[in-house]
Amino acid sequence: MLTPGDVVVLDLGTPAGSEAGLHRPAVVVTAARVLAGGPTVIQVVPLTRTIRPSSSEVVIDPDHANGLSARSAARCQHLRSVATTRIRDHTGNAGPVVLGEIRETLALLLDL
């Protein structure tokens, strides 16, 4: 069962324009109460290894808990809903601090 903050590898297919695409890690940001119901669609923030000076991205250092192999940035501006059938692997969990930073950034981007 998925939990908020899980780092998953997704098959996002061929990107259009500057969308995130192909096989890439992402952080699950769907609420726990929604995930408990076993949804077929979840909300994720894709990750990139390209670190930019951007207020819409959250930098995540690799560790044993998240399973990332390199320093990555959560591209909050690329929030998307994906079918759970796109999940190819589960590498770990980003943890509550990083998840909180991602959710704060999303709230700013979406004016919530």
PDB file of N, CA and C in Angstrom:
ATOM      1  N   MET A   1       0.838  -1.185   0.000  1.00  0.00           N
ATOM      2  CA  MET A   1       0.000   0.000   0.000  1.00  0.00           C
ATOM      3  C   MET A   1       0.883   1.249   0.000  1.00  0.00           C
ATOM      4  N   LEU A   2       0.516   2.222  -0.800  1.00  0.00           N
ATOM      5  CA  LEU A   2       1.266   3.473  -0.878  1.00  0.00           C
ATOM      6  C   LEU A   2       0.977   4.360   0.324  1.00  0.00           C
ATOM      7  N   THR A   3       1.966   5.185   0.677  1.00  0.00           N
ATOM      8  CA  THR A   3       1.803   6.178   1.730  1.00  0.00           C
ATOM      9  C   THR A   3       2.319   7.519   1.211  1.00  0.00           C
ATOM     10  N   PRO A   4       1.843   8.641   1.781  1.00  0.00           N
ATOM     11  CA  PRO A   4       2.347   9.936   1.349  1.00  0.00           C
ATOM     12  C   PRO A   4       3.864  10.015   1.546  1.00  0.00           C
ATOM     13  N   GLY A   5       4.541  10.583   0.556  1.00  0.00           N
ATOM     14  CA  GLY A   5       5.993  10.705   0.618  1.00  0.00           C
ATOM     15  C   GLY A   5       6.730   9.552  -0.030  1.00  0.00           C
ATOM     16  N   ASP A   6       6.017   8.493  -0.410  1.00  0.00           N
ATOM     17  CA  ASP A   6       6.689   7.377  -1.070  1.00  0.00           C
ATOM     18  C   ASP A   6       7.371   7.843  -2.349  1.00  0.00           C
ATOM     19  N   VAL A   7       8.562   7.320  -2.591  1.00  0.00           N
ATOM     20  CA  VAL A   7       9.287   7.583  -3.827  1.00  0.00           C
ATOM     21  C   VAL A   7       9.059   6.368  -4.719  1.00  0.00           C
ATOM     22  N   VAL A   8       8.449   6.610  -5.864  1.00  0.00           N
ATOM     23  CA  VAL A   8       8.129   5.544  -6.806  1.00  0.00           C
ATOM     24  C   VAL A   8       8.761   5.865  -8.150  1.00  0.00           C
ATOM     25  N   VAL A   9       9.030   4.828  -8.933  1.00  0.00           N
ATOM     26  CA  VAL A   9       9.502   5.008 -10.301  1.00  0.00           C
ATOM     27  C   VAL A   9       8.303   4.813 -11.210  1.00  0.00           C
ATOM     28  N   LEU A  10       8.067   5.796 -12.064  1.00  0.00           N
ATOM     29  CA  LEU A  10       6.909   5.779 -12.952  1.00  0.00           C
ATOM     30  C   LEU A  10       7.329   5.664 -14.406  1.00  0.00           C
ATOM     31  N   ASP A  11       6.459   5.069 -15.199  1.00  0.00           N
ATOM     32  CA  ASP A  11       6.592   5.110 -16.649  1.00  0.00           C
ATOM     33  C   ASP A  11       5.618   6.185 -17.120  1.00  0.00           C
ATOM     34  N   LEU A  12       6.148   7.376 -17.408  1.00  0.00           N
ATOM     35  CA  LEU A  12       5.295   8.505 -17.791  1.00  0.00           C
ATOM     36  C   LEU A  12       5.117   8.635 -19.296  1.00  0.00           C
ATOM     37  N   GLY A  13       5.729   7.729 -20.045  1.00  0.00           N
ATOM     38  CA  GLY A  13       5.566   7.782 -21.491  1.00  0.00           C
ATOM     39  C   GLY A  13       6.361   8.915 -22.117  1.00  0.00           C
ATOM     40  N   THR A  14       6.045   9.204 -23.365  1.00  0.00           N
ATOM     41  CA  THR A  14       6.752  10.231 -24.116  1.00  0.00           C
ATOM     42  C   THR A  14       6.276  11.611 -23.680  1.00  0.00           C
ATOM     43  N   PRO A  15       7.213  12.483 -23.288  1.00  0.00           N
ATOM     44  CA  PRO A  15       6.813  13.820 -22.847  1.00  0.00           C
ATOM     45  C   PRO A  15       6.425  14.720 -24.018  1.00  0.00           C
ATOM     46  N   ALA A  16       5.559  15.673 -23.757  1.00  0.00           N
ATOM     47  CA  ALA A  16       5.233  16.713 -24.725  1.00  0.00           C
ATOM     48  C   ALA A  16       5.808  18.019 -24.190  1.00  0.00           C
ATOM     49  N   GLY A  17       6.478  18.763 -25.033  1.00  0.00           N
ATOM     50  CA  GLY A  17       7.072  20.023 -24.596  1.00  0.00           C
ATOM     51  C   GLY A  17       8.078  19.794 -23.491  1.00  0.00           C
ATOM     52  N   SER A  18       7.928  20.535 -22.387  1.00  0.00           N
ATOM     53  CA  SER A  18       8.866  20.406 -21.270  1.00  0.00           C
ATOM     54  C   SER A  18       8.302  19.566 -20.134  1.00  0.00           C
ATOM     55  N   GLU A  19       7.286  18.736 -20.416  1.00  0.00           N
ATOM     56  CA  GLU A  19       6.738  17.834 -19.406  1.00  0.00           C
ATOM     57  C   GLU A  19       7.780  16.825 -18.956  1.00  0.00           C
ATOM     58  N   ALA A  20       7.594  16.336 -17.719  1.00  0.00           N
ATOM     59  CA  ALA A  20       8.393  15.205 -17.255  1.00  0.00           C
ATOM     60  C   ALA A  20       7.897  13.970 -18.000  1.00  0.00           C
ATOM     61  N   GLY A  21       8.808  13.104 -18.368  1.00  0.00           N
ATOM     62  CA  GLY A  21       8.394  11.917 -19.099  1.00  0.00           C
ATOM     63  C   GLY A  21       9.347  10.763 -18.893  1.00  0.00           C
ATOM     64  N   LEU A  22       9.102   9.721 -19.655  1.00  0.00           N
ATOM     65  CA  LEU A  22       9.892   8.498 -19.645  1.00  0.00           C
ATOM     66  C   LEU A  22       9.829   7.829 -18.268  1.00  0.00           C
ATOM     67  N   HIS A  23      10.849   7.038 -17.908  1.00  0.00           N
ATOM     68  CA  HIS A  23      10.908   6.415 -16.581  1.00  0.00           C
ATOM     69  C   HIS A  23      11.582   7.399 -15.638  1.00  0.00           C
ATOM     70  N   ARG A  24      10.887   7.763 -14.573  1.00  0.00           N
ATOM     71  CA  ARG A  24      11.456   8.743 -13.659  1.00  0.00           C
ATOM     72  C   ARG A  24      10.866   8.564 -12.276  1.00  0.00           C
ATOM     73  N   PRO A  25      11.666   8.880 -11.240  1.00  0.00           N
ATOM     74  CA  PRO A  25      11.138   8.814  -9.880  1.00  0.00           C
ATOM     75  C   PRO A  25      10.195   9.981  -9.616  1.00  0.00           C
ATOM     76  N   ALA A  26       9.300   9.773  -8.676  1.00  0.00           N
ATOM     77  CA  ALA A  26       8.353  10.810  -8.278  1.00  0.00           C
ATOM     78  C   ALA A  26       7.990  10.586  -6.817  1.00  0.00           C
ATOM     79  N   VAL A  27       7.531  11.648  -6.168  1.00  0.00           N
ATOM     80  CA  VAL A  27       7.083  11.566  -4.776  1.00  0.00           C
ATOM     81  C   VAL A  27       5.553  11.586  -4.762  1.00  0.00           C
ATOM     82  N   VAL A  28       4.969  10.626  -4.060  1.00  0.00           N
ATOM     83  CA  VAL A  28       3.514  10.560  -3.910  1.00  0.00           C
ATOM     84  C   VAL A  28       3.087  11.643  -2.925  1.00  0.00           C
ATOM     85  N   VAL A  29       2.133  12.500  -3.338  1.00  0.00           N
ATOM     86  CA  VAL A  29       1.649  13.570  -2.464  1.00  0.00           C
ATOM     87  C   VAL A  29       0.167  13.413  -2.115  1.00  0.00           C
ATOM     88  N   THR A  30      -0.465  12.367  -2.576  1.00  0.00           N
ATOM     89  CA  THR A  30      -1.869  12.093  -2.261  1.00  0.00           C
ATOM     90  C   THR A  30      -2.036  11.903  -0.762  1.00  0.00           C
ATOM     91  N   ALA A  31      -3.143  12.393  -0.210  1.00  0.00           N
ATOM     92  CA  ALA A  31      -3.421  12.286   1.218  1.00  0.00           C
ATOM     93  C   ALA A  31      -3.558  10.831   1.662  1.00  0.00           C
ATOM     94  N   ALA A  32      -3.126  10.551   2.887  1.00  0.00           N
ATOM     95  CA  ALA A  32      -3.174   9.183   3.449  1.00  0.00           C
ATOM     96  C   ALA A  32      -4.583   8.613   3.428  1.00  0.00           C
ATOM     97  N   ARG A  33      -5.577   9.428   3.762  1.00  0.00           N
ATOM     98  CA  ARG A  33      -6.957   8.920   3.805  1.00  0.00           C
ATOM     99  C   ARG A  33      -7.443   8.506   2.418  1.00  0.00           C
ATOM    100  N   VAL A  34      -6.941   9.154   1.384  1.00  0.00           N
ATOM    101  CA  VAL A  34      -7.291   8.775   0.014  1.00  0.00           C
ATOM    102  C   VAL A  34      -6.553   7.491  -0.368  1.00  0.00           C
ATOM    103  N   LEU A  35      -5.262   7.432  -0.037  1.00  0.00           N
ATOM    104  CA  LEU A  35      -4.469   6.238  -0.356  1.00  0.00           C
ATOM    105  C   LEU A  35      -5.004   4.997   0.348  1.00  0.00           C
ATOM    106  N   ALA A  36      -5.568   5.174   1.541  1.00  0.00           N
ATOM    107  CA  ALA A  36      -6.127   4.037   2.297  1.00  0.00           C
ATOM    108  C   ALA A  36      -7.260   3.363   1.538  1.00  0.00           C
ATOM    109  N   GLY A  37      -7.909   4.098   0.641  1.00  0.00           N
ATOM    110  CA  GLY A  37      -9.009   3.532  -0.140  1.00  0.00           C
ATOM    111  C   GLY A  37      -8.563   2.785  -1.380  1.00  0.00           C
ATOM    112  N   GLY A  38      -7.236   2.729  -1.617  1.00  0.00           N
ATOM    113  CA  GLY A  38      -6.725   2.002  -2.783  1.00  0.00           C
ATOM    114  C   GLY A  38      -7.117   2.626  -4.109  1.00  0.00           C
ATOM    115  N   PRO A  39      -6.840   3.919  -4.294  1.00  0.00           N
ATOM    116  CA  PRO A  39      -7.232   4.592  -5.537  1.00  0.00           C
ATOM    117  C   PRO A  39      -6.488   4.033  -6.750  1.00  0.00           C
ATOM    118  N   THR A  40      -7.080   4.214  -7.916  1.00  0.00           N
ATOM    119  CA  THR A  40      -6.415   3.802  -9.155  1.00  0.00           C
ATOM    120  C   THR A  40      -5.671   4.966  -9.801  1.00  0.00           C
ATOM    121  N   VAL A  41      -5.874   6.171  -9.263  1.00  0.00           N
ATOM    122  CA  VAL A  41      -5.162   7.368  -9.719  1.00  0.00           C
ATOM    123  C   VAL A  41      -4.635   8.087  -8.487  1.00  0.00           C
ATOM    124  N   ILE A  42      -3.357   8.502  -8.537  1.00  0.00           N
ATOM    125  CA  ILE A  42      -2.730   9.211  -7.422  1.00  0.00           C
ATOM    126  C   ILE A  42      -2.083  10.493  -7.932  1.00  0.00           C
ATOM    127  N   GLN A  43      -1.720  11.382  -6.998  1.00  0.00           N
ATOM    128  CA  GLN A  43      -1.042  12.615  -7.355  1.00  0.00           C
ATOM    129  C   GLN A  43       0.436  12.485  -6.982  1.00  0.00           C
ATOM    130  N   VAL A  44       1.293  12.902  -7.914  1.00  0.00           N
ATOM    131  CA  VAL A  44       2.742  12.787  -7.723  1.00  0.00           C
ATOM    132  C   VAL A  44       3.435  14.060  -8.177  1.00  0.00           C
ATOM    133  N   VAL A  45       4.650  14.244  -7.650  1.00  0.00           N
ATOM    134  CA  VAL A  45       5.543  15.302  -8.109  1.00  0.00           C
ATOM    135  C   VAL A  45       6.779  14.603  -8.672  1.00  0.00           C
ATOM    136  N   PRO A  46       7.037  14.740  -9.976  1.00  0.00           N
ATOM    137  CA  PRO A  46       8.205  14.094 -10.583  1.00  0.00           C
ATOM    138  C   PRO A  46       9.518  14.672 -10.056  1.00  0.00           C
ATOM    139  N   LEU A  47      10.558  13.848 -10.081  1.00  0.00           N
ATOM    140  CA  LEU A  47      11.892  14.263  -9.659  1.00  0.00           C
ATOM    141  C   LEU A  47      12.816  14.382 -10.861  1.00  0.00           C
ATOM    142  N   THR A  48      13.826  15.229 -10.713  1.00  0.00           N
ATOM    143  CA  THR A  48      14.869  15.376 -11.722  1.00  0.00           C
ATOM    144  C   THR A  48      16.211  15.468 -11.016  1.00  0.00           C
ATOM    145  N   ARG A  49      17.265  15.053 -11.708  1.00  0.00           N
ATOM    146  CA  ARG A  49      18.614  15.208 -11.154  1.00  0.00           C
ATOM    147  C   ARG A  49      19.216  16.564 -11.513  1.00  0.00           C
ATOM    148  N   THR A  50      18.511  17.326 -12.354  1.00  0.00           N
ATOM    149  CA  THR A  50      18.957  18.668 -12.720  1.00  0.00           C
ATOM    150  C   THR A  50      18.490  19.635 -11.637  1.00  0.00           C
ATOM    151  N   ILE A  51      19.437  20.180 -10.896  1.00  0.00           N
ATOM    152  CA  ILE A  51      19.118  21.098  -9.797  1.00  0.00           C
ATOM    153  C   ILE A  51      19.158  22.522 -10.342  1.00  0.00           C
ATOM    154  N   ARG A  52      18.035  23.226 -10.223  1.00  0.00           N
ATOM    155  CA  ARG A  52      17.927  24.604 -10.701  1.00  0.00           C
ATOM    156  C   ARG A  52      17.654  25.521  -9.517  1.00  0.00           C
ATOM    157  N   PRO A  53      18.053  26.775  -9.599  1.00  0.00           N
ATOM    158  CA  PRO A  53      17.676  27.726  -8.551  1.00  0.00           C
ATOM    159  C   PRO A  53      16.223  28.152  -8.772  1.00  0.00           C
ATOM    160  N   SER A  54      15.291  27.410  -8.222  1.00  0.00           N
ATOM    161  CA  SER A  54      13.873  27.654  -8.466  1.00  0.00           C
ATOM    162  C   SER A  54      13.087  27.549  -7.166  1.00  0.00           C
ATOM    163  N   SER A  55      12.185  28.481  -6.947  1.00  0.00           N
ATOM    164  CA  SER A  55      11.350  28.437  -5.744  1.00  0.00           C
ATOM    165  C   SER A  55      10.223  27.422  -5.879  1.00  0.00           C
ATOM    166  N   SER A  56      10.080  26.812  -7.058  1.00  0.00           N
ATOM    167  CA  SER A  56       9.025  25.813  -7.253  1.00  0.00           C
ATOM    168  C   SER A  56       9.557  24.382  -7.189  1.00  0.00           C
ATOM    169  N   GLU A  57      10.816  24.236  -6.777  1.00  0.00           N
ATOM    170  CA  GLU A  57      11.415  22.912  -6.667  1.00  0.00           C
ATOM    171  C   GLU A  57      11.996  22.711  -5.270  1.00  0.00           C
ATOM    172  N   VAL A  58      11.929  21.471  -4.789  1.00  0.00           N
ATOM    173  CA  VAL A  58      12.446  21.102  -3.468  1.00  0.00           C
ATOM    174  C   VAL A  58      13.576  20.103  -3.671  1.00  0.00           C
ATOM    175  N   VAL A  59      14.763  20.427  -3.164  1.00  0.00           N
ATOM    176  CA  VAL A  59      15.928  19.552  -3.323  1.00  0.00           C
ATOM    177  C   VAL A  59      15.876  18.432  -2.284  1.00  0.00           C
ATOM    178  N   ILE A  60      16.162  17.209  -2.757  1.00  0.00           N
ATOM    179  CA  ILE A  60      16.151  16.023  -1.897  1.00  0.00           C
ATOM    180  C   ILE A  60      17.507  15.339  -2.015  1.00  0.00           C
ATOM    181  N   ASP A  61      18.197  15.187  -0.883  1.00  0.00           N
ATOM    182  CA  ASP A  61      19.459  14.461  -0.877  1.00  0.00           C
ATOM    183  C   ASP A  61      19.190  12.969  -0.767  1.00  0.00           C
ATOM    184  N   PRO A  62      19.983  12.147  -1.458  1.00  0.00           N
ATOM    185  CA  PRO A  62      19.765  10.704  -1.388  1.00  0.00           C
ATOM    186  C   PRO A  62      20.124  10.147  -0.011  1.00  0.00           C
ATOM    187  N   ASP A  63      19.364   9.160   0.434  1.00  0.00           N
ATOM    188  CA  ASP A  63      19.683   8.439   1.662  1.00  0.00           C
ATOM    189  C   ASP A  63      19.047   7.051   1.590  1.00  0.00           C
ATOM    190  N   HIS A  64      19.296   6.245   2.620  1.00  0.00           N
ATOM    191  CA  HIS A  64      18.771   4.876   2.616  1.00  0.00           C
ATOM    192  C   HIS A  64      17.250   4.848   2.671  1.00  0.00           C
ATOM    193  N   ALA A  65      16.650   5.843   3.314  1.00  0.00           N
ATOM    194  CA  ALA A  65      15.193   5.864   3.468  1.00  0.00           C
ATOM    195  C   ALA A  65      14.475   6.146   2.153  1.00  0.00           C
ATOM    196  N   ASN A  66      15.009   7.078   1.344  1.00  0.00           N
ATOM    197  CA  ASN A  66      14.295   7.408   0.106  1.00  0.00           C
ATOM    198  C   ASN A  66      14.752   6.576  -1.092  1.00  0.00           C
ATOM    199  N   GLY A  67      15.911   5.946  -0.998  1.00  0.00           N
ATOM    200  CA  GLY A  67      16.382   5.071  -2.060  1.00  0.00           C
ATOM    201  C   GLY A  67      16.862   5.776  -3.312  1.00  0.00           C
ATOM    202  N   LEU A  68      17.000   7.095  -3.266  1.00  0.00           N
ATOM    203  CA  LEU A  68      17.482   7.817  -4.437  1.00  0.00           C
ATOM    204  C   LEU A  68      18.987   7.600  -4.593  1.00  0.00           C
ATOM    205  N   SER A  69      19.451   7.575  -5.838  1.00  0.00           N
ATOM    206  CA  SER A  69      20.875   7.360  -6.095  1.00  0.00           C
ATOM    207  C   SER A  69      21.631   8.665  -6.289  1.00  0.00           C
ATOM    208  N   ALA A  70      20.917   9.772  -6.438  1.00  0.00           N
ATOM    209  CA  ALA A  70      21.566  11.061  -6.664  1.00  0.00           C
ATOM    210  C   ALA A  70      20.703  12.176  -6.083  1.00  0.00           C
ATOM    211  N   ARG A  71      21.347  13.306  -5.812  1.00  0.00           N
ATOM    212  CA  ARG A  71      20.610  14.489  -5.358  1.00  0.00           C
ATOM    213  C   ARG A  71      19.576  14.818  -6.430  1.00  0.00           C
ATOM    214  N   SER A  72      18.369  15.095  -6.000  1.00  0.00           N
ATOM    215  CA  SER A  72      17.272  15.307  -6.942  1.00  0.00           C
ATOM    216  C   SER A  72      16.439  16.509  -6.525  1.00  0.00           C
ATOM    217  N   ALA A  73      15.639  17.000  -7.452  1.00  0.00           N
ATOM    218  CA  ALA A  73      14.723  18.098  -7.159  1.00  0.00           C
ATOM    219  C   ALA A  73      13.306  17.652  -7.480  1.00  0.00           C
ATOM    220  N   ALA A  74      12.411  17.879  -6.524  1.00  0.00           N
ATOM    221  CA  ALA A  74      10.988  17.619  -6.745  1.00  0.00           C
ATOM    222  C   ALA A  74      10.438  18.801  -7.529  1.00  0.00           C
ATOM    223  N   ARG A  75       9.977  18.544  -8.722  1.00  0.00           N
ATOM    224  CA  ARG A  75       9.503  19.598  -9.622  1.00  0.00           C
ATOM    225  C   ARG A  75       8.019  19.857  -9.363  1.00  0.00           C
ATOM    226  N   CYS A  76       7.750  20.625  -8.320  1.00  0.00           N
ATOM    227  CA  CYS A  76       6.374  20.854  -7.874  1.00  0.00           C
ATOM    228  C   CYS A  76       5.506  21.489  -8.952  1.00  0.00           C
ATOM    229  N   GLN A  77       6.104  22.238  -9.849  1.00  0.00           N
ATOM    230  CA  GLN A  77       5.361  22.847 -10.946  1.00  0.00           C
ATOM    231  C   GLN A  77       4.843  21.806 -11.936  1.00  0.00           C
ATOM    232  N   HIS A  78       5.296  20.558 -11.787  1.00  0.00           N
ATOM    233  CA  HIS A  78       4.857  19.470 -12.662  1.00  0.00           C
ATOM    234  C   HIS A  78       3.933  18.484 -11.943  1.00  0.00           C
ATOM    235  N   LEU A  79       3.243  18.937 -10.906  1.00  0.00           N
ATOM    236  CA  LEU A  79       2.270  18.093 -10.206  1.00  0.00           C
ATOM    237  C   LEU A  79       1.358  17.438 -11.232  1.00  0.00           C
ATOM    238  N   ARG A  80       1.138  16.134 -11.056  1.00  0.00           N
ATOM    239  CA  ARG A  80       0.240  15.460 -11.995  1.00  0.00           C
ATOM    240  C   ARG A  80      -0.447  14.276 -11.358  1.00  0.00           C
ATOM    241  N   SER A  81      -1.568  13.927 -11.934  1.00  0.00           N
ATOM    242  CA  SER A  81      -2.306  12.736 -11.535  1.00  0.00           C
ATOM    243  C   SER A  81      -1.919  11.625 -12.490  1.00  0.00           C
ATOM    244  N   VAL A  82      -1.626  10.445 -11.931  1.00  0.00           N
ATOM    245  CA  VAL A  82      -1.222   9.310 -12.759  1.00  0.00           C
ATOM    246  C   VAL A  82      -1.941   8.050 -12.298  1.00  0.00           C
ATOM    247  N   ALA A  83      -2.159   7.161 -13.220  1.00  0.00           N
ATOM    248  CA  ALA A  83      -2.733   5.862 -12.884  1.00  0.00           C
ATOM    249  C   ALA A  83      -1.698   5.052 -12.111  1.00  0.00           C
ATOM    250  N   THR A  84      -2.142   4.311 -11.118  1.00  0.00           N
ATOM    251  CA  THR A  84      -1.215   3.496 -10.335  1.00  0.00           C
ATOM    252  C   THR A  84      -0.565   2.410 -11.198  1.00  0.00           C
ATOM    253  N   THR A  85      -1.153   2.097 -12.339  1.00  0.00           N
ATOM    254  CA  THR A  85      -0.543   1.116 -13.245  1.00  0.00           C
ATOM    255  C   THR A  85       0.757   1.630 -13.854  1.00  0.00           C
ATOM    256  N   ARG A  86       1.029   2.934 -13.724  1.00  0.00           N
ATOM    257  CA  ARG A  86       2.288   3.508 -14.217  1.00  0.00           C
ATOM    258  C   ARG A  86       3.452   3.265 -13.254  1.00  0.00           C
ATOM    259  N   ILE A  87       3.162   2.814 -12.029  1.00  0.00           N
ATOM    260  CA  ILE A  87       4.217   2.572 -11.047  1.00  0.00           C
ATOM    261  C   ILE A  87       4.994   1.320 -11.440  1.00  0.00           C
ATOM    262  N   ARG A  88       6.316   1.483 -11.564  1.00  0.00           N
ATOM    263  CA  ARG A  88       7.185   0.367 -11.930  1.00  0.00           C
ATOM    264  C   ARG A  88       8.000  -0.137 -10.742  1.00  0.00           C
ATOM    265  N   ASP A  89       8.241   0.746  -9.751  1.00  0.00           N
ATOM    266  CA  ASP A  89       9.057   0.358  -8.602  1.00  0.00           C
ATOM    267  C   ASP A  89       8.782   1.321  -7.454  1.00  0.00           C
ATOM    268  N   HIS A  90       9.118   0.874  -6.261  1.00  0.00           N
ATOM    269  CA  HIS A  90       8.999   1.690  -5.044  1.00  0.00           C
ATOM    270  C   HIS A  90      10.375   1.673  -4.408  1.00  0.00           C
ATOM    271  N   THR A  91      11.016   2.869  -4.265  1.00  0.00           N
ATOM    272  CA  THR A  91      12.386   2.882  -3.762  1.00  0.00           C
ATOM    273  C   THR A  91      12.500   3.252  -2.298  1.00  0.00           C
ATOM    274  N   GLY A  92      11.492   3.903  -1.737  1.00  0.00           N
ATOM    275  CA  GLY A  92      11.557   4.317  -0.337  1.00  0.00           C
ATOM    276  C   GLY A  92      10.553   5.395  -0.037  1.00  0.00           C
ATOM    277  N   ASN A  93      10.874   6.245   0.953  1.00  0.00           N
ATOM    278  CA  ASN A  93       9.989   7.325   1.345  1.00  0.00           C
ATOM    279  C   ASN A  93      10.845   8.568   1.622  1.00  0.00           C
ATOM    280  N   ALA A  94      10.397   9.711   1.134  1.00  0.00           N
ATOM    281  CA  ALA A  94      11.128  10.963   1.288  1.00  0.00           C
ATOM    282  C   ALA A  94      11.110  11.480   2.722  1.00  0.00           C
ATOM    283  N   GLY A  95      10.158  11.037   3.522  1.00  0.00           N
ATOM    284  CA  GLY A  95      10.073  11.457   4.915  1.00  0.00           C
ATOM    285  C   GLY A  95       9.177  12.663   5.113  1.00  0.00           C
ATOM    286  N   PRO A  96       8.751  12.894   6.362  1.00  0.00           N
ATOM    287  CA  PRO A  96       7.783  13.950   6.643  1.00  0.00           C
ATOM    288  C   PRO A  96       8.301  15.372   6.419  1.00  0.00           C
ATOM    289  N   VAL A  97       9.586  15.613   6.619  1.00  0.00           N
ATOM    290  CA  VAL A  97      10.120  16.966   6.427  1.00  0.00           C
ATOM    291  C   VAL A  97      10.088  17.341   4.948  1.00  0.00           C
ATOM    292  N   VAL A  98      10.610  16.468   4.094  1.00  0.00           N
ATOM    293  CA  VAL A  98      10.619  16.732   2.650  1.00  0.00           C
ATOM    294  C   VAL A  98       9.184  16.791   2.121  1.00  0.00           C
ATOM    295  N   LEU A  99       8.333  15.869   2.549  1.00  0.00           N
ATOM    296  CA  LEU A  99       6.939  15.886   2.107  1.00  0.00           C
ATOM    297  C   LEU A  99       6.280  17.210   2.501  1.00  0.00           C
ATOM    298  N   GLY A 100       6.547  17.688   3.696  1.00  0.00           N
ATOM    299  CA  GLY A 100       6.005  18.970   4.136  1.00  0.00           C
ATOM    300  C   GLY A 100       6.476  20.121   3.270  1.00  0.00           C
ATOM    301  N   GLU A 101       7.762  20.112   2.905  1.00  0.00           N
ATOM    302  CA  GLU A 101       8.305  21.161   2.037  1.00  0.00           C
ATOM    303  C   GLU A 101       7.647  21.116   0.658  1.00  0.00           C
ATOM    304  N   ILE A 102       7.448  19.911   0.139  1.00  0.00           N
ATOM    305  CA  ILE A 102       6.792  19.768  -1.169  1.00  0.00           C
ATOM    306  C   ILE A 102       5.355  20.279  -1.081  1.00  0.00           C
ATOM    307  N   ARG A 103       4.636  19.887  -0.046  1.00  0.00           N
ATOM    308  CA  ARG A 103       3.241  20.329   0.087  1.00  0.00           C
ATOM    309  C   ARG A 103       3.144  21.838   0.295  1.00  0.00           C
ATOM    310  N   GLU A 104       4.085  22.435   1.021  1.00  0.00           N
ATOM    311  CA  GLU A 104       4.107  23.897   1.178  1.00  0.00           C
ATOM    312  C   GLU A 104       4.320  24.571  -0.164  1.00  0.00           C
ATOM    313  N   THR A 105       5.232  24.049  -0.961  1.00  0.00           N
ATOM    314  CA  THR A 105       5.504  24.611  -2.278  1.00  0.00           C
ATOM    315  C   THR A 105       4.291  24.473  -3.170  1.00  0.00           C
ATOM    316  N   LEU A 106       3.622  23.322  -3.115  1.00  0.00           N
ATOM    317  CA  LEU A 106       2.404  23.137  -3.902  1.00  0.00           C
ATOM    318  C   LEU A 106       1.329  24.138  -3.497  1.00  0.00           C
ATOM    319  N   ALA A 107       1.195  24.361  -2.196  1.00  0.00           N
ATOM    320  CA  ALA A 107       0.192  25.307  -1.692  1.00  0.00           C
ATOM    321  C   ALA A 107       0.483  26.712  -2.234  1.00  0.00           C
ATOM    322  N   LEU A 108       1.757  27.104  -2.285  1.00  0.00           N
ATOM    323  CA  LEU A 108       2.116  28.412  -2.840  1.00  0.00           C
ATOM    324  C   LEU A 108       1.815  28.480  -4.334  1.00  0.00           C
ATOM    325  N   LEU A 109       2.173  27.428  -5.064  1.00  0.00           N
ATOM    326  CA  LEU A 109       1.942  27.407  -6.505  1.00  0.00           C
ATOM    327  C   LEU A 109       0.468  27.447  -6.854  1.00  0.00           C
ATOM    328  N   LEU A 110      -0.345  26.771  -6.041  1.00  0.00           N
ATOM    329  CA  LEU A 110      -1.781  26.663  -6.327  1.00  0.00           C
ATOM    330  C   LEU A 110      -2.606  27.710  -5.600  1.00  0.00           C
ATOM    331  N   ASP A 111      -1.923  28.587  -4.846  1.00  0.00           N
ATOM    332  CA  ASP A 111      -2.584  29.659  -4.089  1.00  0.00           C
ATOM    333  C   ASP A 111      -3.650  29.086  -3.147  1.00  0.00           C
ATOM    334  N   LEU A 112      -3.262  28.058  -2.398  1.00  0.00           N
ATOM    335  CA  LEU A 112      -4.186  27.414  -1.449  1.00  0.00           C
ATOM    336  C   LEU A 112      -3.996  27.953  -0.043  1.00  0.00           C
TER     337      LEU A 112
END
